[in-house]
Amino acid sequence: MAFIITSPCKDEKAGECVEVCPVDCIEEGKDMFYIDPEICIDCGACEAVCPVEAIYMEDEVPDKENEYIEINRKFFEDQ
Protein backbone atom coordinates (compact mmCIF):
# COMPACT_ATOMS: atom_id res chain seq x y z
CA MET A 1 0.00 0.00 0.00
CA ALA A 2 1.40 3.37 -1.01
CA PHE A 3 1.03 6.91 0.16
CA ILE A 4 -1.12 9.20 -2.00
CA ILE A 5 -0.78 12.93 -2.64
CA THR A 6 -4.16 14.68 -2.73
CA SER A 7 -5.66 18.03 -3.78
CA PRO A 8 -4.07 20.34 -1.15
CA CYS A 9 -0.81 19.85 -3.11
CA LYS A 10 -2.35 21.12 -6.32
CA ASP A 11 -0.63 24.39 -7.27
CA GLU A 12 1.27 24.30 -3.93
CA LYS A 13 4.28 22.08 -4.66
CA ALA A 14 6.27 22.92 -1.54
CA GLY A 15 8.66 20.00 -2.17
CA GLU A 16 9.67 18.94 1.33
CA CYS A 17 8.31 15.47 0.55
CA VAL A 18 10.76 15.00 -2.32
CA GLU A 19 13.71 15.93 -0.12
CA VAL A 20 12.94 13.33 2.57
CA CYS A 21 11.87 10.37 0.40
CA PRO A 22 14.52 7.63 0.80
CA VAL A 23 13.55 5.83 -2.43
CA ASP A 24 12.92 8.81 -4.75
CA CYS A 25 9.34 7.76 -5.53
CA ILE A 26 7.94 11.30 -5.64
CA GLU A 27 7.96 13.16 -8.93
CA GLU A 28 6.92 16.65 -9.87
CA GLY A 29 4.11 17.03 -12.37
CA LYS A 30 2.72 20.11 -14.03
CA ASP A 31 0.65 21.27 -11.08
CA MET A 32 1.47 18.95 -8.16
CA PHE A 33 3.70 16.12 -6.93
CA TYR A 34 2.87 12.42 -7.36
CA ILE A 35 3.94 9.25 -5.55
CA ASP A 36 4.79 6.17 -7.60
CA PRO A 37 2.87 3.33 -5.89
CA GLU A 38 5.26 0.75 -7.35
CA ILE A 39 8.28 2.32 -5.64
CA CYS A 40 6.82 3.72 -2.39
CA ILE A 41 7.97 1.73 0.66
CA ASP A 42 5.32 3.17 3.01
CA CYS A 43 7.87 4.76 5.33
CA GLY A 44 5.75 7.85 6.02
CA ALA A 45 8.62 10.34 5.82
CA CYS A 46 6.76 12.41 3.22
CA GLU A 47 3.53 12.54 5.20
CA ALA A 48 5.32 13.89 8.26
CA VAL A 49 6.83 16.89 6.44
CA CYS A 50 3.98 17.90 4.12
CA PRO A 51 3.14 21.53 5.04
CA VAL A 52 -0.36 21.35 3.50
CA GLU A 53 -1.29 17.88 4.85
CA ALA A 54 -1.91 16.49 1.36
CA ILE A 55 -0.37 13.03 1.89
CA TYR A 56 -2.27 9.99 3.18
CA MET A 57 -1.87 6.24 3.30
CA GLU A 58 -3.97 4.84 0.47
CA ASP A 59 -6.54 3.30 2.79
CA GLU A 60 -6.84 6.56 4.78
CA VAL A 61 -7.49 8.95 1.87
CA PRO A 62 -10.63 10.97 2.68
CA ASP A 63 -13.66 9.98 0.59
CA LYS A 64 -13.75 13.34 -1.17
CA GLU A 65 -10.11 12.79 -2.28
CA ASN A 66 -10.44 9.18 -3.53
CA GLU A 67 -9.97 10.22 -7.16
CA TYR A 68 -6.35 11.06 -6.32
CA ILE A 69 -5.54 7.38 -5.79
CA GLU A 70 -6.10 6.81 -9.51
CA ILE A 71 -4.60 10.19 -10.46
CA ASN A 72 -1.30 9.24 -8.79
CA ARG A 73 -1.23 5.82 -10.48
CA LYS A 74 -2.17 7.22 -13.89
CA PHE A 75 0.61 9.82 -13.74
CA PHE A 76 3.21 7.04 -13.73
CA GLU A 77 1.40 4.86 -16.29
CA ASP A 78 1.44 7.72 -18.78
CA GLN A 79 5.21 8.27 -18.57
PDB file of N, CA and C in Angstrom:
ATOM      1  N   MET A   1       0.846  -1.182   0.000  1.00  0.00           N
ATOM      2  CA  MET A   1       0.000   0.000   0.000  1.00  0.00           C
ATOM      3  C   MET A   1       0.891   1.245   0.000  1.00  0.00           C
ATOM      4  N   ALA A   2       0.575   2.176  -0.853  1.00  0.00           N
ATOM      5  CA  ALA A   2       1.401   3.370  -1.013  1.00  0.00           C
ATOM      6  C   ALA A   2       0.754   4.590  -0.368  1.00  0.00           C
ATOM      7  N   PHE A   3       1.554   5.622  -0.236  1.00  0.00           N
ATOM      8  CA  PHE A   3       1.028   6.911   0.161  1.00  0.00           C
ATOM      9  C   PHE A   3       0.504   7.610  -1.089  1.00  0.00           C
ATOM     10  N   ILE A   4      -0.464   8.497  -0.905  1.00  0.00           N
ATOM     11  CA  ILE A   4      -1.121   9.203  -2.002  1.00  0.00           C
ATOM     12  C   ILE A   4      -1.054  10.701  -1.723  1.00  0.00           C
ATOM     13  N   ILE A   5      -0.751  11.477  -2.756  1.00  0.00           N
ATOM     14  CA  ILE A   5      -0.777  12.935  -2.637  1.00  0.00           C
ATOM     15  C   ILE A   5      -2.121  13.413  -3.178  1.00  0.00           C
ATOM     16  N   THR A   6      -2.800  14.250  -2.398  1.00  0.00           N
ATOM     17  CA  THR A   6      -4.159  14.680  -2.725  1.00  0.00           C
ATOM     18  C   THR A   6      -4.220  16.177  -3.074  1.00  0.00           C
ATOM     19  N   SER A   7      -5.426  16.693  -3.240  1.00  0.00           N
ATOM     20  CA  SER A   7      -5.662  18.030  -3.778  1.00  0.00           C
ATOM     21  C   SER A   7      -4.982  19.204  -3.064  1.00  0.00           C
ATOM     22  N   PRO A   8      -4.733  19.176  -1.744  1.00  0.00           N
ATOM     23  CA  PRO A   8      -4.068  20.339  -1.151  1.00  0.00           C
ATOM     24  C   PRO A   8      -2.697  20.638  -1.780  1.00  0.00           C
ATOM     25  N   CYS A   9      -2.097  19.644  -2.450  1.00  0.00           N
ATOM     26  CA  CYS A   9      -0.807  19.846  -3.105  1.00  0.00           C
ATOM     27  C   CYS A   9      -0.959  20.593  -4.436  1.00  0.00           C
ATOM     28  N   LYS A  10      -2.142  20.517  -5.009  1.00  0.00           N
ATOM     29  CA  LYS A  10      -2.353  21.124  -6.322  1.00  0.00           C
ATOM     30  C   LYS A  10      -2.012  22.613  -6.274  1.00  0.00           C
ATOM     31  N   ASP A  11      -1.133  23.014  -7.163  1.00  0.00           N
ATOM     32  CA  ASP A  11      -0.635  24.392  -7.268  1.00  0.00           C
ATOM     33  C   ASP A  11       0.157  24.855  -6.043  1.00  0.00           C
ATOM     34  N   GLU A  12       0.477  23.957  -5.124  1.00  0.00           N
ATOM     35  CA  GLU A  12       1.269  24.297  -3.927  1.00  0.00           C
ATOM     36  C   GLU A  12       2.726  23.919  -4.180  1.00  0.00           C
ATOM     37  N   LYS A  13       2.971  22.644  -4.361  1.00  0.00           N
ATOM     38  CA  LYS A  13       4.279  22.082  -4.661  1.00  0.00           C
ATOM     39  C   LYS A  13       5.405  22.605  -3.770  1.00  0.00           C
ATOM     40  N   ALA A  14       5.248  22.468  -2.477  1.00  0.00           N
ATOM     41  CA  ALA A  14       6.273  22.921  -1.540  1.00  0.00           C
ATOM     42  C   ALA A  14       7.571  22.117  -1.711  1.00  0.00           C
ATOM     43  N   GLY A  15       7.488  20.807  -1.862  1.00  0.00           N
ATOM     44  CA  GLY A  15       8.655  19.996  -2.173  1.00  0.00           C
ATOM     45  C   GLY A  15       9.381  19.335  -1.033  1.00  0.00           C
ATOM     46  N   GLU A  16       8.990  19.583   0.207  1.00  0.00           N
ATOM     47  CA  GLU A  16       9.672  18.938   1.328  1.00  0.00           C
ATOM     48  C   GLU A  16       9.605  17.415   1.220  1.00  0.00           C
ATOM     49  N   CYS A  17       8.494  16.916   0.678  1.00  0.00           N
ATOM     50  CA  CYS A  17       8.307  15.470   0.552  1.00  0.00           C
ATOM     51  C   CYS A  17       9.385  14.844  -0.328  1.00  0.00           C
ATOM     52  N   VAL A  18       9.742  15.517  -1.396  1.00  0.00           N
ATOM     53  CA  VAL A  18      10.759  15.001  -2.317  1.00  0.00           C
ATOM     54  C   VAL A  18      12.105  14.886  -1.608  1.00  0.00           C
ATOM     55  N   GLU A  19      12.422  15.885  -0.809  1.00  0.00           N
ATOM     56  CA  GLU A  19      13.709  15.935  -0.115  1.00  0.00           C
ATOM     57  C   GLU A  19      13.890  14.801   0.884  1.00  0.00           C
ATOM     58  N   VAL A  20      12.809  14.340   1.522  1.00  0.00           N
ATOM     59  CA  VAL A  20      12.938  13.326   2.570  1.00  0.00           C
ATOM     60  C   VAL A  20      12.681  11.896   2.083  1.00  0.00           C
ATOM     61  N   CYS A  21      12.192  11.718   0.878  1.00  0.00           N
ATOM     62  CA  CYS A  21      11.865  10.369   0.396  1.00  0.00           C
ATOM     63  C   CYS A  21      13.140   9.553   0.189  1.00  0.00           C
ATOM     64  N   PRO A  22      13.286   8.421   0.906  1.00  0.00           N
ATOM     65  CA  PRO A  22      14.518   7.633   0.800  1.00  0.00           C
ATOM     66  C   PRO A  22      14.618   6.805  -0.486  1.00  0.00           C
ATOM     67  N   VAL A  23      13.525   6.655  -1.215  1.00  0.00           N
ATOM     68  CA  VAL A  23      13.553   5.835  -2.430  1.00  0.00           C
ATOM     69  C   VAL A  23      13.231   6.630  -3.698  1.00  0.00           C
ATOM     70  N   ASP A  24      13.174   7.936  -3.590  1.00  0.00           N
ATOM     71  CA  ASP A  24      12.917   8.811  -4.747  1.00  0.00           C
ATOM     72  C   ASP A  24      11.684   8.404  -5.541  1.00  0.00           C
ATOM     73  N   CYS A  25      10.572   8.177  -4.850  1.00  0.00           N
ATOM     74  CA  CYS A  25       9.344   7.758  -5.534  1.00  0.00           C
ATOM     75  C   CYS A  25       8.397   8.918  -5.812  1.00  0.00           C
ATOM     76  N   ILE A  26       8.800  10.141  -5.444  1.00  0.00           N
ATOM     77  CA  ILE A  26       7.937  11.304  -5.643  1.00  0.00           C
ATOM     78  C   ILE A  26       8.466  12.120  -6.812  1.00  0.00           C
ATOM     79  N   GLU A  27       7.574  12.380  -7.769  1.00  0.00           N
ATOM     80  CA  GLU A  27       7.963  13.157  -8.933  1.00  0.00           C
ATOM     81  C   GLU A  27       7.062  14.374  -9.084  1.00  0.00           C
ATOM     82  N   GLU A  28       7.654  15.411  -9.651  1.00  0.00           N
ATOM     83  CA  GLU A  28       6.920  16.649  -9.871  1.00  0.00           C
ATOM     84  C   GLU A  28       6.193  16.595 -11.205  1.00  0.00           C
ATOM     85  N   GLY A  29       4.905  16.910 -11.156  1.00  0.00           N
ATOM     86  CA  GLY A  29       4.110  17.030 -12.367  1.00  0.00           C
ATOM     87  C   GLY A  29       3.871  18.490 -12.676  1.00  0.00           C
ATOM     88  N   LYS A  30       2.993  18.743 -13.606  1.00  0.00           N
ATOM     89  CA  LYS A  30       2.717  20.109 -14.033  1.00  0.00           C
ATOM     90  C   LYS A  30       2.188  20.989 -12.899  1.00  0.00           C
ATOM     91  N   ASP A  31       1.271  20.438 -12.104  1.00  0.00           N
ATOM     92  CA  ASP A  31       0.649  21.272 -11.075  1.00  0.00           C
ATOM     93  C   ASP A  31       0.705  20.705  -9.661  1.00  0.00           C
ATOM     94  N   MET A  32       1.336  19.540  -9.489  1.00  0.00           N
ATOM     95  CA  MET A  32       1.473  18.951  -8.155  1.00  0.00           C
ATOM     96  C   MET A  32       2.519  17.840  -8.194  1.00  0.00           C
ATOM     97  N   PHE A  33       2.804  17.264  -7.014  1.00  0.00           N
ATOM     98  CA  PHE A  33       3.700  16.117  -6.926  1.00  0.00           C
ATOM     99  C   PHE A  33       2.876  14.840  -6.920  1.00  0.00           C
ATOM    100  N   TYR A  34       3.524  13.725  -7.303  1.00  0.00           N
ATOM    101  CA  TYR A  34       2.866  12.420  -7.360  1.00  0.00           C
ATOM    102  C   TYR A  34       3.792  11.366  -6.758  1.00  0.00           C
ATOM    103  N   ILE A  35       3.181  10.351  -6.130  1.00  0.00           N
ATOM    104  CA  ILE A  35       3.944   9.252  -5.546  1.00  0.00           C
ATOM    105  C   ILE A  35       3.743   8.008  -6.398  1.00  0.00           C
ATOM    106  N   ASP A  36       4.850   7.397  -6.811  1.00  0.00           N
ATOM    107  CA  ASP A  36       4.789   6.166  -7.603  1.00  0.00           C
ATOM    108  C   ASP A  36       4.453   5.006  -6.668  1.00  0.00           C
ATOM    109  N   PRO A  37       3.272   4.401  -6.810  1.00  0.00           N
ATOM    110  CA  PRO A  37       2.869   3.332  -5.891  1.00  0.00           C
ATOM    111  C   PRO A  37       3.705   2.062  -6.035  1.00  0.00           C
ATOM    112  N   GLU A  38       4.409   1.925  -7.148  1.00  0.00           N
ATOM    113  CA  GLU A  38       5.263   0.749  -7.354  1.00  0.00           C
ATOM    114  C   GLU A  38       6.595   0.870  -6.627  1.00  0.00           C
ATOM    115  N   ILE A  39       6.990   2.085  -6.282  1.00  0.00           N
ATOM    116  CA  ILE A  39       8.282   2.316  -5.641  1.00  0.00           C
ATOM    117  C   ILE A  39       8.141   2.658  -4.160  1.00  0.00           C
ATOM    118  N   CYS A  40       7.048   3.289  -3.776  1.00  0.00           N
ATOM    119  CA  CYS A  40       6.823   3.724  -2.389  1.00  0.00           C
ATOM    120  C   CYS A  40       6.980   2.551  -1.417  1.00  0.00           C
ATOM    121  N   ILE A  41       7.742   2.781  -0.351  1.00  0.00           N
ATOM    122  CA  ILE A  41       7.967   1.734   0.656  1.00  0.00           C
ATOM    123  C   ILE A  41       7.163   1.972   1.933  1.00  0.00           C
ATOM    124  N   ASP A  42       6.227   2.901   1.877  1.00  0.00           N
ATOM    125  CA  ASP A  42       5.320   3.175   3.009  1.00  0.00           C
ATOM    126  C   ASP A  42       6.036   3.609   4.282  1.00  0.00           C
ATOM    127  N   CYS A  43       7.114   4.358   4.142  1.00  0.00           N
ATOM    128  CA  CYS A  43       7.869   4.760   5.331  1.00  0.00           C
ATOM    129  C   CYS A  43       7.219   5.916   6.083  1.00  0.00           C
ATOM    130  N   GLY A  44       6.437   6.742   5.377  1.00  0.00           N
ATOM    131  CA  GLY A  44       5.749   7.851   6.020  1.00  0.00           C
ATOM    132  C   GLY A  44       6.555   9.125   6.170  1.00  0.00           C
ATOM    133  N   ALA A  45       7.780   9.140   5.683  1.00  0.00           N
ATOM    134  CA  ALA A  45       8.617  10.337   5.818  1.00  0.00           C
ATOM    135  C   ALA A  45       7.968  11.542   5.129  1.00  0.00           C
ATOM    136  N   CYS A  46       7.377  11.304   3.983  1.00  0.00           N
ATOM    137  CA  CYS A  46       6.757  12.405   3.224  1.00  0.00           C
ATOM    138  C   CYS A  46       5.542  12.977   3.945  1.00  0.00           C
ATOM    139  N   GLU A  47       4.752  12.101   4.502  1.00  0.00           N
ATOM    140  CA  GLU A  47       3.533  12.535   5.204  1.00  0.00           C
ATOM    141  C   GLU A  47       3.878  13.463   6.369  1.00  0.00           C
ATOM    142  N   ALA A  48       4.935  13.135   7.074  1.00  0.00           N
ATOM    143  CA  ALA A  48       5.324  13.892   8.263  1.00  0.00           C
ATOM    144  C   ALA A  48       5.771  15.320   7.953  1.00  0.00           C
ATOM    145  N   VAL A  49       6.295  15.557   6.746  1.00  0.00           N
ATOM    146  CA  VAL A  49       6.826  16.888   6.440  1.00  0.00           C
ATOM    147  C   VAL A  49       5.933  17.727   5.524  1.00  0.00           C
ATOM    148  N   CYS A  50       4.843  17.180   5.054  1.00  0.00           N
ATOM    149  CA  CYS A  50       3.977  17.905   4.117  1.00  0.00           C
ATOM    150  C   CYS A  50       3.335  19.113   4.811  1.00  0.00           C
ATOM    151  N   PRO A  51       3.656  20.335   4.363  1.00  0.00           N
ATOM    152  CA  PRO A  51       3.138  21.528   5.042  1.00  0.00           C
ATOM    153  C   PRO A  51       1.647  21.785   4.799  1.00  0.00           C
ATOM    154  N   VAL A  52       1.061  21.129   3.786  1.00  0.00           N
ATOM    155  CA  VAL A  52      -0.360  21.347   3.498  1.00  0.00           C
ATOM    156  C   VAL A  52      -1.210  20.112   3.810  1.00  0.00           C
ATOM    157  N   GLU A  53      -0.600  19.109   4.452  1.00  0.00           N
ATOM    158  CA  GLU A  53      -1.292  17.881   4.855  1.00  0.00           C
ATOM    159  C   GLU A  53      -2.044  17.237   3.689  1.00  0.00           C
ATOM    160  N   ALA A  54      -1.321  17.055   2.579  1.00  0.00           N
ATOM    161  CA  ALA A  54      -1.908  16.490   1.363  1.00  0.00           C
ATOM    162  C   ALA A  54      -1.624  15.004   1.200  1.00  0.00           C
ATOM    163  N   ILE A  55      -0.828  14.411   2.074  1.00  0.00           N
ATOM    164  CA  ILE A  55      -0.371  13.029   1.890  1.00  0.00           C
ATOM    165  C   ILE A  55      -1.035  12.094   2.900  1.00  0.00           C
ATOM    166  N   TYR A  56      -1.583  11.001   2.358  1.00  0.00           N
ATOM    167  CA  TYR A  56      -2.269   9.994   3.181  1.00  0.00           C
ATOM    168  C   TYR A  56      -1.871   8.597   2.743  1.00  0.00           C
ATOM    169  N   MET A  57      -1.948   7.649   3.691  1.00  0.00           N
ATOM    170  CA  MET A  57      -1.868   6.238   3.305  1.00  0.00           C
ATOM    171  C   MET A  57      -3.069   5.964   2.408  1.00  0.00           C
ATOM    172  N   GLU A  58      -2.905   5.101   1.436  1.00  0.00           N
ATOM    173  CA  GLU A  58      -3.966   4.838   0.466  1.00  0.00           C
ATOM    174  C   GLU A  58      -5.297   4.495   1.121  1.00  0.00           C
ATOM    175  N   ASP A  59      -5.281   3.692   2.158  1.00  0.00           N
ATOM    176  CA  ASP A  59      -6.543   3.296   2.793  1.00  0.00           C
ATOM    177  C   ASP A  59      -7.082   4.346   3.769  1.00  0.00           C
ATOM    178  N   GLU A  60      -6.382   5.479   3.902  1.00  0.00           N
ATOM    179  CA  GLU A  60      -6.837   6.560   4.779  1.00  0.00           C
ATOM    180  C   GLU A  60      -7.181   7.843   4.015  1.00  0.00           C
ATOM    181  N   VAL A  61      -7.152   7.777   2.683  1.00  0.00           N
ATOM    182  CA  VAL A  61      -7.492   8.951   1.870  1.00  0.00           C
ATOM    183  C   VAL A  61      -8.953   9.306   2.139  1.00  0.00           C
ATOM    184  N   PRO A  62      -9.232  10.567   2.452  1.00  0.00           N
ATOM    185  CA  PRO A  62     -10.630  10.969   2.682  1.00  0.00           C
ATOM    186  C   PRO A  62     -11.490  10.677   1.451  1.00  0.00           C
ATOM    187  N   ASP A  63     -12.748  10.330   1.684  1.00  0.00           N
ATOM    188  CA  ASP A  63     -13.657   9.976   0.589  1.00  0.00           C
ATOM    189  C   ASP A  63     -13.664  11.019  -0.518  1.00  0.00           C
ATOM    190  N   LYS A  64     -13.680  12.286  -0.165  1.00  0.00           N
ATOM    191  CA  LYS A  64     -13.746  13.341  -1.175  1.00  0.00           C
ATOM    192  C   LYS A  64     -12.462  13.459  -1.992  1.00  0.00           C
ATOM    193  N   GLU A  65     -11.406  12.757  -1.581  1.00  0.00           N
ATOM    194  CA  GLU A  65     -10.110  12.793  -2.275  1.00  0.00           C
ATOM    195  C   GLU A  65      -9.787  11.470  -2.976  1.00  0.00           C
ATOM    196  N   ASN A  66     -10.711  10.516  -2.966  1.00  0.00           N
ATOM    197  CA  ASN A  66     -10.442   9.180  -3.525  1.00  0.00           C
ATOM    198  C   ASN A  66      -9.960   9.195  -4.965  1.00  0.00           C
ATOM    199  N   GLU A  67     -10.394  10.162  -5.767  1.00  0.00           N
ATOM    200  CA  GLU A  67      -9.975  10.216  -7.164  1.00  0.00           C
ATOM    201  C   GLU A  67      -8.459  10.358  -7.289  1.00  0.00           C
ATOM    202  N   TYR A  68      -7.797  10.868  -6.264  1.00  0.00           N
ATOM    203  CA  TYR A  68      -6.348  11.058  -6.318  1.00  0.00           C
ATOM    204  C   TYR A  68      -5.571   9.749  -6.235  1.00  0.00           C
ATOM    205  N   ILE A  69      -6.189   8.692  -5.768  1.00  0.00           N
ATOM    206  CA  ILE A  69      -5.537   7.381  -5.789  1.00  0.00           C
ATOM    207  C   ILE A  69      -5.250   7.008  -7.247  1.00  0.00           C
ATOM    208  N   GLU A  70      -6.253   7.119  -8.095  1.00  0.00           N
ATOM    209  CA  GLU A  70      -6.096   6.810  -9.509  1.00  0.00           C
ATOM    210  C   GLU A  70      -5.250   7.867 -10.221  1.00  0.00           C
ATOM    211  N   ILE A  71      -5.386   9.120  -9.837  1.00  0.00           N
ATOM    212  CA  ILE A  71      -4.602  10.195 -10.463  1.00  0.00           C
ATOM    213  C   ILE A  71      -3.108   9.950 -10.256  1.00  0.00           C
ATOM    214  N   ASN A  72      -2.708   9.536  -9.053  1.00  0.00           N
ATOM    215  CA  ASN A  72      -1.301   9.242  -8.794  1.00  0.00           C
ATOM    216  C   ASN A  72      -0.823   8.063  -9.634  1.00  0.00           C
ATOM    217  N   ARG A  73      -1.612   6.986  -9.684  1.00  0.00           N
ATOM    218  CA  ARG A  73      -1.228   5.818 -10.481  1.00  0.00           C
ATOM    219  C   ARG A  73      -1.116   6.170 -11.967  1.00  0.00           C
ATOM    220  N   LYS A  74      -2.114   6.886 -12.464  1.00  0.00           N
ATOM    221  CA  LYS A  74      -2.165   7.217 -13.888  1.00  0.00           C
ATOM    222  C   LYS A  74      -0.972   8.095 -14.300  1.00  0.00           C
ATOM    223  N   PHE A  75      -0.543   8.971 -13.423  1.00  0.00           N
ATOM    224  CA  PHE A  75       0.614   9.822 -13.735  1.00  0.00           C
ATOM    225  C   PHE A  75       1.806   8.968 -14.140  1.00  0.00           C
ATOM    226  N   PHE A  76       2.042   7.874 -13.439  1.00  0.00           N
ATOM    227  CA  PHE A  76       3.210   7.036 -13.728  1.00  0.00           C
ATOM    228  C   PHE A  76       2.956   6.073 -14.896  1.00  0.00           C
ATOM    229  N   GLU A  77       1.720   5.696 -15.146  1.00  0.00           N
ATOM    230  CA  GLU A  77       1.404   4.855 -16.287  1.00  0.00           C
ATOM    231  C   GLU A  77       1.601   5.615 -17.587  1.00  0.00           C
ATOM    232  N   ASP A  78       1.359   6.904 -17.574  1.00  0.00           N
ATOM    233  CA  ASP A  78       1.441   7.725 -18.779  1.00  0.00           C
ATOM    234  C   ASP A  78       2.848   8.183 -19.125  1.00  0.00           C
ATOM    235  N   GLN A  79       3.834   7.832 -18.303  1.00  0.00           N
ATOM    236  CA  GLN A  79       5.209   8.273 -18.573  1.00  0.00           C
ATOM    237  C   GLN A  79       5.943   7.325 -19.467  1.00  0.00           C
TER     238      GLN A  79
END
